[in-house]
Protein backbone atom coordinates (compact mmCIF):
# COMPACT_ATOMS: atom_id res chain seq x y z
CA MET A 1 128.08 132.34 86.37
CA ASN A 2 124.66 130.84 85.57
CA LYS A 3 124.29 127.27 86.49
CA GLN A 4 124.62 124.84 83.54
CA GLN A 5 124.46 121.05 83.31
CA PHE A 6 128.00 119.40 83.41
CA PRO A 7 129.18 117.27 80.73
CA SER A 8 130.42 113.68 81.33
CA LEU A 9 133.85 112.83 79.94
CA TYR A 10 135.89 109.78 79.05
CA ILE A 11 139.54 110.61 79.32
CA PRO A 12 142.90 108.84 78.69
CA HIS A 13 144.85 108.58 81.94
CA GLY A 14 148.14 107.88 80.37
CA ALA A 15 150.57 105.13 81.41
CA GLY A 16 151.49 105.05 85.06
CA PRO A 17 152.77 108.33 86.20
CA CYS A 18 153.86 109.32 82.80
CA PHE A 19 153.01 113.04 83.24
CA PHE A 20 155.34 113.44 86.19
CA MET A 21 158.54 111.85 84.88
CA ASP A 22 160.99 111.82 82.10
CA TRP A 23 159.48 109.49 79.56
CA THR A 24 162.08 106.94 78.12
CA ARG A 25 159.96 104.46 76.11
CA GLY A 26 159.83 106.12 72.69
CA ALA A 27 160.01 109.98 72.24
CA ALA A 28 160.45 112.13 75.33
CA ASP A 29 157.54 114.18 74.26
CA THR A 30 155.17 111.11 73.96
CA TRP A 31 152.60 112.30 76.53
CA ASP A 32 152.99 116.08 76.12
CA LYS A 33 149.94 116.63 74.04
CA THR A 34 147.78 114.52 76.30
CA GLU A 35 149.06 116.32 79.31
CA HIS A 36 148.34 119.71 77.75
CA TRP A 37 144.81 118.71 76.83
CA LEU A 38 144.08 117.33 80.37
CA ARG A 39 145.49 120.45 81.92
CA ASN A 40 143.08 122.50 79.88
CA VAL A 41 139.92 120.42 80.29
CA HIS A 42 138.60 122.91 82.86
CA THR A 43 138.24 125.53 80.19
CA SER A 44 135.43 123.38 78.50
CA LEU A 45 133.43 123.15 81.74
CA PRO A 46 130.60 125.53 82.59
CA GLN A 47 132.33 126.35 86.01
CA LYS A 48 134.46 124.79 88.62
CA PRO A 49 133.01 121.46 89.71
CA ASN A 50 131.46 121.09 93.18
CA ALA A 51 132.71 117.56 93.12
CA ILE A 52 134.10 114.75 90.86
CA VAL A 53 132.76 111.14 90.45
CA ILE A 54 135.37 109.08 88.70
CA PHE A 55 135.32 105.51 87.41
CA SER A 56 138.86 104.20 86.87
CA ALA A 57 139.92 101.17 84.96
CA HIS A 58 141.91 100.09 87.84
CA TRP A 59 139.21 99.23 90.35
CA GLU A 60 136.74 96.29 89.82
CA ALA A 61 134.56 94.59 92.20
CA ASP A 62 131.83 91.90 92.23
CA VAL A 63 129.55 94.41 93.98
CA ILE A 64 130.02 98.03 93.02
CA GLN A 65 132.05 99.76 95.65
CA ILE A 66 131.94 103.44 96.47
CA ASN A 67 134.78 105.17 98.09
CA SER A 68 133.35 106.81 101.22
CA HIS A 69 136.56 107.82 102.89
CA PRO A 70 136.75 111.53 103.86
CA ASN A 71 140.37 111.70 103.08
CA PRO A 72 141.54 108.92 100.65
CA GLU A 73 145.15 107.95 100.40
CA LEU A 74 146.86 107.28 97.17
CA ILE A 75 147.37 103.65 95.76
CA PHE A 76 150.65 103.48 93.94
CA ASP A 77 149.48 100.53 91.66
CA TYR A 78 152.24 100.91 89.09
CA TYR A 79 155.48 99.22 88.90
CA GLY A 80 159.03 99.86 87.74
CA PHE A 81 158.87 103.63 87.66
CA PRO A 82 161.36 106.25 89.06
CA PRO A 83 161.35 106.46 92.97
CA HIS A 84 159.97 110.05 93.01
CA THR A 85 156.75 108.83 91.42
CA TYR A 86 155.92 106.94 94.48
CA GLU A 87 156.09 110.17 96.44
CA LEU A 88 153.40 111.99 94.50
CA THR A 89 150.69 113.56 96.44
CA TYR A 90 147.04 114.51 95.66
CA PRO A 91 145.33 115.46 98.89
CA ALA A 92 141.89 116.01 97.40
CA PRO A 93 139.11 115.36 99.98
CA GLY A 94 136.52 112.62 99.58
CA SER A 95 132.89 113.11 100.22
CA PRO A 96 130.93 110.58 102.38
CA ALA A 97 127.74 112.55 101.89
CA LEU A 98 128.13 112.32 98.07
CA ALA A 99 129.08 108.62 98.35
CA ASN A 100 125.81 107.96 100.25
CA LYS A 101 123.91 109.91 97.56
CA ILE A 102 125.54 107.88 94.81
CA GLN A 103 124.46 104.61 96.66
CA SER A 104 120.95 105.92 96.90
CA LEU A 105 120.81 106.69 93.23
CA PHE A 106 122.11 103.13 92.49
CA THR A 107 119.57 101.65 94.79
CA ALA A 108 116.75 103.47 93.06
CA ALA A 109 118.04 101.93 89.74
CA ASP A 110 118.20 98.45 91.29
CA ILE A 111 121.99 98.46 91.09
CA LYS A 112 123.53 96.86 94.16
CA SER A 113 126.47 98.71 95.68
CA GLU A 114 128.37 99.08 98.93
CA LEU A 115 130.27 101.96 100.65
CA ASP A 116 134.03 101.25 100.98
CA PRO A 117 135.48 103.53 103.83
CA GLU A 118 139.12 102.31 103.19
CA HIS A 119 139.73 102.35 99.58
CA GLY A 120 142.15 105.11 98.21
CA PHE A 121 142.64 106.80 94.86
CA ASP A 122 144.43 104.51 92.37
CA HIS A 123 146.65 105.96 89.58
CA GLY A 124 143.70 105.99 87.11
CA THR A 125 142.22 108.70 89.43
CA PHE A 126 145.14 110.63 91.07
CA VAL A 127 147.28 110.86 88.12
CA PRO A 128 144.99 112.54 85.65
CA LEU A 129 143.27 114.58 88.27
CA LYS A 130 146.70 116.04 89.49
CA VAL A 131 147.11 117.28 85.94
CA MET A 132 143.56 118.42 85.52
CA PHE A 133 142.80 119.99 88.95
CA PRO A 134 146.30 120.41 90.51
CA ASP A 135 145.00 122.33 93.54
CA ALA A 136 143.37 119.14 94.80
CA ASP A 137 140.55 121.21 96.38
CA ILE A 138 137.54 119.53 94.66
CA PRO A 139 135.94 116.63 96.54
CA VAL A 140 136.45 113.27 94.64
CA VAL A 141 134.42 110.07 94.90
CA GLN A 142 135.85 107.07 93.10
CA VAL A 143 133.46 104.32 92.16
CA SER A 144 134.50 100.83 91.16
CA LEU A 145 133.62 99.13 87.89
CA HIS A 146 131.73 95.93 88.05
CA SER A 147 133.84 92.72 87.50
CA SER A 148 131.59 91.51 84.74
CA LEU A 149 132.78 94.49 82.63
CA ASP A 150 129.38 94.31 80.87
CA PRO A 151 128.96 97.39 78.76
CA ALA A 152 125.06 97.68 79.21
CA PHE A 153 125.40 97.37 82.91
CA HIS A 154 127.94 100.20 83.03
CA GLN A 155 125.75 102.26 80.83
CA ARG A 156 122.90 101.71 83.36
CA MET A 157 125.29 102.87 86.15
CA GLY A 158 125.91 106.10 84.23
CA ASP A 159 122.26 106.65 83.58
CA ALA A 160 121.61 106.25 87.36
CA LEU A 161 123.94 109.13 88.19
CA GLN A 162 122.81 111.41 85.33
CA SER A 163 120.94 113.89 87.76
CA LEU A 164 124.43 114.59 89.36
CA ARG A 165 125.29 116.65 86.25
CA ASP A 166 122.53 119.13 87.34
CA GLU A 167 124.46 119.73 90.61
CA ASN A 168 127.77 120.85 89.14
CA ILE A 169 129.30 117.48 89.48
CA LEU A 170 131.64 116.22 86.91
CA ILE A 171 131.39 112.53 85.87
CA LEU A 172 134.61 111.13 84.53
CA GLY A 173 135.42 107.68 83.01
CA SER A 174 139.17 107.31 83.21
CA GLY A 175 140.80 104.68 80.96
CA ILE A 176 142.33 104.71 77.59
CA SER A 177 140.77 103.96 74.23
CA PHE A 178 143.56 101.57 73.19
CA HIS A 179 145.10 99.13 75.58
CA ASN A 180 146.93 96.24 73.99
CA MET A 181 150.14 96.20 75.94
CA GLN A 182 152.08 94.10 73.59
CA ILE A 183 151.59 96.63 70.75
CA LEU A 184 152.08 99.65 73.14
CA MET A 185 155.49 98.24 74.25
CA GLN A 186 156.54 97.96 70.63
CA CYS A 187 155.54 101.71 69.99
CA ASN A 188 154.27 100.53 66.60
CA ASP A 189 150.92 99.57 65.19
CA PRO A 190 151.86 98.50 61.64
CA ASP A 191 148.47 96.95 60.87
CA GLY A 192 146.66 100.13 61.86
CA HIS A 193 144.40 98.43 64.41
CA SER A 194 144.25 101.57 66.61
CA ILE A 195 143.21 103.76 63.58
CA GLN A 196 140.48 101.34 62.63
CA PHE A 197 139.13 101.18 66.11
CA ASP A 198 139.56 104.82 66.94
CA SER A 199 137.62 105.72 63.67
CA TRP A 200 134.79 103.40 64.62
CA LEU A 201 134.68 104.63 68.19
CA THR A 202 134.44 108.25 67.11
CA LYS A 203 131.65 107.57 64.52
CA THR A 204 129.78 105.51 67.29
CA CYS A 205 130.09 108.10 70.02
CA THR A 206 128.85 110.92 67.78
CA LYS A 207 125.74 109.02 66.60
CA SER A 208 122.15 109.56 67.82
CA PRO A 209 121.80 108.41 71.49
CA THR A 210 120.00 105.28 70.67
CA ALA A 211 122.47 104.23 67.95
CA ARG A 212 125.47 105.23 70.16
CA LYS A 213 124.17 103.10 73.04
CA GLU A 214 123.61 100.07 70.87
CA GLY A 215 126.94 100.40 69.08
CA LEU A 216 128.89 100.75 72.38
CA THR A 217 127.06 97.79 73.88
CA ASN A 218 128.22 95.74 70.95
CA TRP A 219 131.72 97.31 70.82
CA ALA A 220 133.49 93.91 70.55
CA GLN A 221 132.13 93.52 67.02
CA ALA A 222 133.89 96.73 65.82
CA PRO A 223 137.01 96.69 63.58
CA SER A 224 140.09 95.49 65.44
CA ALA A 225 138.05 95.94 68.72
CA THR A 226 139.33 92.87 70.61
CA ILE A 227 142.92 93.45 69.43
CA CYS A 228 142.82 97.02 70.74
CA HIS A 229 141.27 95.81 73.96
CA PRO A 230 142.23 92.12 74.71
CA ARG A 231 140.57 92.79 78.05
CA GLU A 232 138.13 95.71 78.13
CA GLU A 233 138.75 97.34 81.55
CA HIS A 234 140.24 100.32 80.07
CA LEU A 235 137.26 100.95 77.64
CA ILE A 236 134.38 100.27 80.05
CA PRO A 237 134.68 103.75 81.86
CA LEU A 238 133.48 105.16 78.53
CA MET A 239 130.29 103.27 78.98
CA VAL A 240 129.59 104.89 82.28
CA ALA A 241 130.19 108.34 80.81
CA GLU A 242 127.93 107.52 77.83
CA GLY A 243 125.23 106.29 80.19
CA ALA A 244 125.27 109.55 82.04
CA ALA A 245 124.80 111.51 78.79
CA GLY A 246 121.13 110.65 78.45
CA ASN A 247 120.06 112.17 75.24
CA ASP A 248 123.00 114.60 74.90
CA ALA A 249 125.32 114.56 72.00
CA GLY A 250 128.71 113.01 72.10
CA VAL A 251 131.83 114.48 70.49
CA ASN A 252 135.44 113.63 70.13
CA VAL A 253 137.34 116.34 72.08
CA PHE A 254 140.81 115.01 71.75
CA THR A 255 142.86 112.57 69.54
CA ASP A 256 146.57 111.91 69.74
CA ASN A 257 149.06 109.33 68.63
CA VAL A 258 151.04 107.97 71.66
CA MET A 259 153.43 105.05 71.57
CA GLY A 260 152.45 104.42 68.02
CA VAL A 261 148.72 104.15 68.51
CA ASN A 262 145.72 106.56 68.31
CA VAL A 263 143.89 107.32 71.52
CA SER A 264 140.83 109.62 71.92
CA ALA A 265 138.77 111.43 74.48
CA TYR A 266 134.92 111.91 74.39
CA GLN A 267 132.65 114.44 75.96
CA PHE A 268 128.85 114.05 76.25
CA GLY A 269 126.73 117.11 76.78
């Protein structure tokens, strides 16, 4: 297959290990559509990735950290789920060489970062990747978010890594486009906050690159934005994916209603 530039993606990573258990909060098929979509993401890619660089909502640091472990372990950072979900495996290799390259790209963009040879894959990484690429044979490098959660800074991070898309490397932002746990636990959004925000998010992500970037930088001004994201760590991975897009168009590639709210995924390029 001829070499093509890879897209960047913002994906919903579900709730804990939801794809690997019988779901009991709400309908049993709550996460089935999301799982099916994740399982088929590879069909939209130009070819099998040489590597994956992923930004999960579940790793923040005051200085950007880059996982440089050659064989990262799993971090079971979810609580109260069935015992077997703490025995899941995902033996994908890391890539110290790619970690070093990422650090060099950040340095060139005046973004301070550090290699972390100890960090593992948190559930925002291994849970969706176990669905998307179950063979676990693609090297994965997880990169932290910055603790500031500043949208423009994370767009800069994505922009710094844009060239990786020319090397058959998939850049993933892993979070979820609605993350108000109080509403999620009720499995009901009677005031339609998720619908309002999801509609705005799709309109914004599909605008021209300049308008898209400005809109996402000011996401907190959107309808119901801070209700949908009382704290924005699950939205910020989108900013990295958008930054990596450059001037490429954005498109909504998936929307579902889970636990009473709308969630969406976006592809750039």
